[in-house]
C-alpha atoms as a PDB file:
ATOM      1  CA  MET A   1     -28.059 -26.146  21.016  1.00  0.00           C
ATOM      2  CA  ASP A   2     -26.146 -26.386  17.754  1.00  0.00           C
ATOM      3  CA  VAL A   3     -24.123 -23.293  16.755  1.00  0.00           C
ATOM      4  CA  THR A   4     -23.253 -22.945  13.082  1.00  0.00           C
ATOM      5  CA  VAL A   5     -21.047 -20.415  11.366  1.00  0.00           C
ATOM      6  CA  SER A   6     -22.685 -18.437   8.583  1.00  0.00           C
ATOM      7  CA  GLU A   7     -21.687 -19.709   5.146  1.00  0.00           C
ATOM      8  CA  THR A   8     -21.739 -16.178   3.718  1.00  0.00           C
ATOM      9  CA  LEU A   9     -18.825 -14.832   5.771  1.00  0.00           C
ATOM     10  CA  PRO A  10     -15.339 -15.200   4.225  1.00  0.00           C
ATOM     11  CA  LEU A  11     -12.370 -16.904   5.857  1.00  0.00           C
ATOM     12  CA  CYS A  12      -9.952 -14.722   7.782  1.00  0.00           C
ATOM     13  CA  PRO A  13      -7.323 -13.341   5.348  1.00  0.00           C
ATOM     14  CA  GLN A  14      -4.626 -13.570   8.073  1.00  0.00           C
ATOM     15  CA  CYS A  15      -5.033 -17.082   9.482  1.00  0.00           C
ATOM     16  CA  SER A  16      -7.783 -18.658   7.271  1.00  0.00           C
ATOM     17  CA  SER A  17     -10.042 -19.251  10.263  1.00  0.00           C
ATOM     18  CA  ALA A  18     -13.652 -20.137   9.444  1.00  0.00           C
ATOM     19  CA  TYR A  19     -14.977 -18.565  12.666  1.00  0.00           C
ATOM     20  CA  THR A  20     -15.220 -14.970  11.459  1.00  0.00           C
ATOM     21  CA  TYR A  21     -18.092 -12.823  12.660  1.00  0.00           C
ATOM     22  CA  GLU A  22     -19.544  -9.380  11.998  1.00  0.00           C
ATOM     23  CA  MET A  23     -19.037  -6.516  14.422  1.00  0.00           C
ATOM     24  CA  GLY A  24     -20.722  -3.418  13.085  1.00  0.00           C
ATOM     25  CA  ALA A  25     -19.268  -2.679   9.648  1.00  0.00           C
ATOM     26  CA  LEU A  26     -16.199  -4.887  10.200  1.00  0.00           C
ATOM     27  CA  LEU A  27     -15.481  -8.591  10.049  1.00  0.00           C
ATOM     28  CA  VAL A  28     -13.490  -9.985  12.984  1.00  0.00           C
ATOM     29  CA  CYS A  29     -11.489 -13.172  13.490  1.00  0.00           C
ATOM     30  CA  PRO A  30     -11.670 -14.439  17.084  1.00  0.00           C
ATOM     31  CA  GLU A  31      -8.584 -16.628  16.678  1.00  0.00           C
ATOM     32  CA  CYS A  32      -5.996 -14.048  15.552  1.00  0.00           C
ATOM     33  CA  GLY A  33      -7.857 -10.794  16.304  1.00  0.00           C
ATOM     34  CA  HIS A  34      -7.638  -9.482  12.714  1.00  0.00           C
ATOM     35  CA  GLU A  35     -10.325  -6.950  11.730  1.00  0.00           C
ATOM     36  CA  TRP A  36     -11.147  -5.955   8.147  1.00  0.00           C
ATOM     37  CA  SER A  37     -13.839  -4.324   6.064  1.00  0.00           C
ATOM     38  CA  PRO A  38     -15.920  -6.742   3.973  1.00  0.00           C
ATOM     39  CA  ALA A  39     -16.154  -4.149   1.172  1.00  0.00           C
ATOM     40  CA  ALA A  40     -12.351  -3.950   0.951  1.00  0.00           C
ATOM     41  CA  ASP A  41     -12.113  -7.747   1.116  1.00  0.00           C
ATOM     42  CA  ASP A  42     -13.049  -8.149  -2.571  1.00  0.00           C
ATOM     43  CA  THR A  43     -10.412  -5.712  -3.838  1.00  0.00           C
ATOM     44  CA  ALA A  44      -7.679  -6.293  -1.249  1.00  0.00           C
ATOM     45  CA  PRO A  45      -4.531  -8.115  -2.316  1.00  0.00           C
ATOM     46  CA  HIS A  46      -3.752 -11.509  -0.838  1.00  0.00           C
ATOM     47  CA  SER A  47      -2.508 -11.583   2.723  1.00  0.00           C
ATOM     48  CA  GLY A  48       1.165 -10.765   3.009  1.00  0.00           C
ATOM     49  CA  ASP A  49       1.038  -8.163   0.227  1.00  0.00           C
ATOM     50  CA  LYS A  50       1.592  -4.626   1.439  1.00  0.00           C
ATOM     51  CA  VAL A  51      -0.651  -1.903   0.041  1.00  0.00           C
ATOM     52  CA  VAL A  52       1.313   1.254  -0.806  1.00  0.00           C
ATOM     53  CA  LYS A  53      -0.650   4.488  -1.234  1.00  0.00           C
ATOM     54  CA  ASP A  54       0.475   7.837  -2.594  1.00  0.00           C
ATOM     55  CA  SER A  55       0.076  11.217  -0.878  1.00  0.00           C
ATOM     56  CA  VAL A  56      -3.611  11.483  -1.819  1.00  0.00           C
ATOM     57  CA  GLY A  57      -4.581   7.870  -1.089  1.00  0.00           C
ATOM     58  CA  ASN A  58      -4.355   6.225  -4.533  1.00  0.00           C
ATOM     59  CA  VAL A  59      -3.030   2.654  -4.469  1.00  0.00           C
ATOM     60  CA  LEU A  60       0.311   2.325  -6.243  1.00  0.00           C
ATOM     61  CA  ALA A  61       1.538  -0.698  -8.211  1.00  0.00           C
ATOM     62  CA  ASP A  62       4.757  -1.745  -9.930  1.00  0.00           C
ATOM     63  CA  GLY A  63       5.189   0.013 -13.275  1.00  0.00           C
ATOM     64  CA  ASP A  64       3.086   3.088 -12.398  1.00  0.00           C
ATOM     65  CA  THR A  65       4.091   6.634 -13.279  1.00  0.00           C
ATOM     66  CA  VAL A  66       4.110   9.116 -10.395  1.00  0.00           C
ATOM     67  CA  THR A  67       4.663  12.848  -9.985  1.00  0.00           C
ATOM     68  CA  VAL A  68       6.727  14.350  -7.150  1.00  0.00           C
ATOM     69  CA  VAL A  69       4.461  16.695  -5.132  1.00  0.00           C
ATOM     70  CA  LYS A  70       7.110  18.721  -3.297  1.00  0.00           C
ATOM     71  CA  THR A  71      10.703  19.717  -3.944  1.00  0.00           C
ATOM     72  CA  LEU A  72      13.098  17.170  -2.454  1.00  0.00           C
ATOM     73  CA  LYS A  73      16.669  17.778  -1.310  1.00  0.00           C
ATOM     74  CA  VAL A  74      19.192  15.244  -2.599  1.00  0.00           C
ATOM     75  CA  LYS A  75      22.604  14.795  -0.991  1.00  0.00           C
ATOM     76  CA  GLY A  76      25.364  15.862  -3.345  1.00  0.00           C
ATOM     77  CA  SER A  77      23.048  17.796  -5.644  1.00  0.00           C
ATOM     78  CA  PRO A  78      22.750  21.578  -5.548  1.00  0.00           C
ATOM     79  CA  THR A  79      19.227  21.638  -7.033  1.00  0.00           C
ATOM     80  CA  GLY A  80      17.328  18.577  -5.768  1.00  0.00           C
ATOM     81  CA  ILE A  81      14.222  17.056  -7.359  1.00  0.00           C
ATOM     82  CA  LYS A  82      11.678  19.736  -8.219  1.00  0.00           C
ATOM     83  CA  ALA A  83       7.943  19.382  -7.562  1.00  0.00           C
ATOM     84  CA  GLY A  84       6.149  18.189 -10.699  1.00  0.00           C
ATOM     85  CA  THR A  85       8.942  15.860 -11.831  1.00  0.00           C
ATOM     86  CA  LYS A  86       7.493  12.701 -13.414  1.00  0.00           C
ATOM     87  CA  VAL A  87       8.994   9.363 -12.458  1.00  0.00           C
ATOM     88  CA  ARG A  88       8.136   6.451 -14.727  1.00  0.00           C
ATOM     89  CA  ASN A  89       8.113   2.706 -14.144  1.00  0.00           C
ATOM     90  CA  ILE A  90       8.339   2.628 -10.339  1.00  0.00           C
ATOM     91  CA  ARG A  91       8.935  -0.539  -8.345  1.00  0.00           C
ATOM     92  CA  LEU A  92       7.500  -1.073  -4.868  1.00  0.00           C
ATOM     93  CA  VAL A  93       9.998  -2.344  -2.292  1.00  0.00           C
ATOM     94  CA  ASP A  94      10.351  -2.743   1.469  1.00  0.00           C
ATOM     95  CA  GLY A  95      12.934   0.009   1.750  1.00  0.00           C
ATOM     96  CA  VAL A  96      14.739   1.573   4.667  1.00  0.00           C
ATOM     97  CA  ASP A  97      13.234   4.425   6.680  1.00  0.00           C
ATOM     98  CA  GLY A  98       9.871   4.482   4.853  1.00  0.00           C
ATOM     99  CA  HIS A  99      11.361   4.641   1.367  1.00  0.00           C
ATOM    100  CA  ASP A 100       9.025   2.207  -0.405  1.00  0.00           C
ATOM    101  CA  ILE A 101       9.487   3.196  -4.079  1.00  0.00           C
ATOM    102  CA  ASP A 102      12.543   2.182  -6.103  1.00  0.00           C
ATOM    103  CA  CYS A 103      12.940   4.209  -9.305  1.00  0.00           C
ATOM    104  CA  LYS A 104      15.202   6.099 -11.697  1.00  0.00           C
ATOM    105  CA  VAL A 105      14.782   9.870 -11.710  1.00  0.00           C
ATOM    106  CA  ASP A 106      15.911  11.645 -14.878  1.00  0.00           C
ATOM    107  CA  GLY A 107      19.028  13.677 -14.133  1.00  0.00           C
ATOM    108  CA  PHE A 108      19.640  11.933 -10.776  1.00  0.00           C
ATOM    109  CA  GLY A 109      19.761   8.186 -11.492  1.00  0.00           C
ATOM    110  CA  PRO A 110      18.480   5.316  -9.356  1.00  0.00           C
ATOM    111  CA  MET A 111      17.097   6.151  -5.912  1.00  0.00           C
ATOM    112  CA  GLN A 112      14.353   5.337  -3.427  1.00  0.00           C
ATOM    113  CA  LEU A 113      11.446   7.672  -2.652  1.00  0.00           C
ATOM    114  CA  LYS A 114       8.746   7.738  -0.016  1.00  0.00           C
ATOM    115  CA  SER A 115       5.197   7.204  -1.276  1.00  0.00           C
ATOM    116  CA  SER A 116       4.094  10.186   0.843  1.00  0.00           C
ATOM    117  CA  VAL A 117       5.885  12.638  -1.501  1.00  0.00           C
ATOM    118  CA  VAL A 118       4.423  11.392  -4.804  1.00  0.00           C
ATOM    119  CA  LYS A 119       1.026  11.133  -6.438  1.00  0.00           C
ATOM    120  CA  LYS A 120      -0.117   8.791  -9.165  1.00  0.00           C
ATOM    121  CA  ALA A 121       0.042  10.422 -12.605  1.00  0.00           C
END
């Protein structure tokens, strides 16, 4: 009996294995164990890229403008960053302690923010 892999299934985005198979609504790689949605496969960035989402689930990218959704305390500042403050031209980074946005906030200067406290403007 000759077993062939379906030509319509994509290669695994993690290890490039050709032996992917369908399991319900997901695609699965038997070699590395990676599971992914075929619908998200067309729009997903290349493997290794981290997807950063804001507080409501929008995907963020370098250069986006975001709005702070809650008032944030800042060390050394008596007022902090107020909710509704717009931050322009963000940069996504692998920061410390979940801080994945590098930006300049008017009145405060350069700092890092968490994507969970902003929404895409």
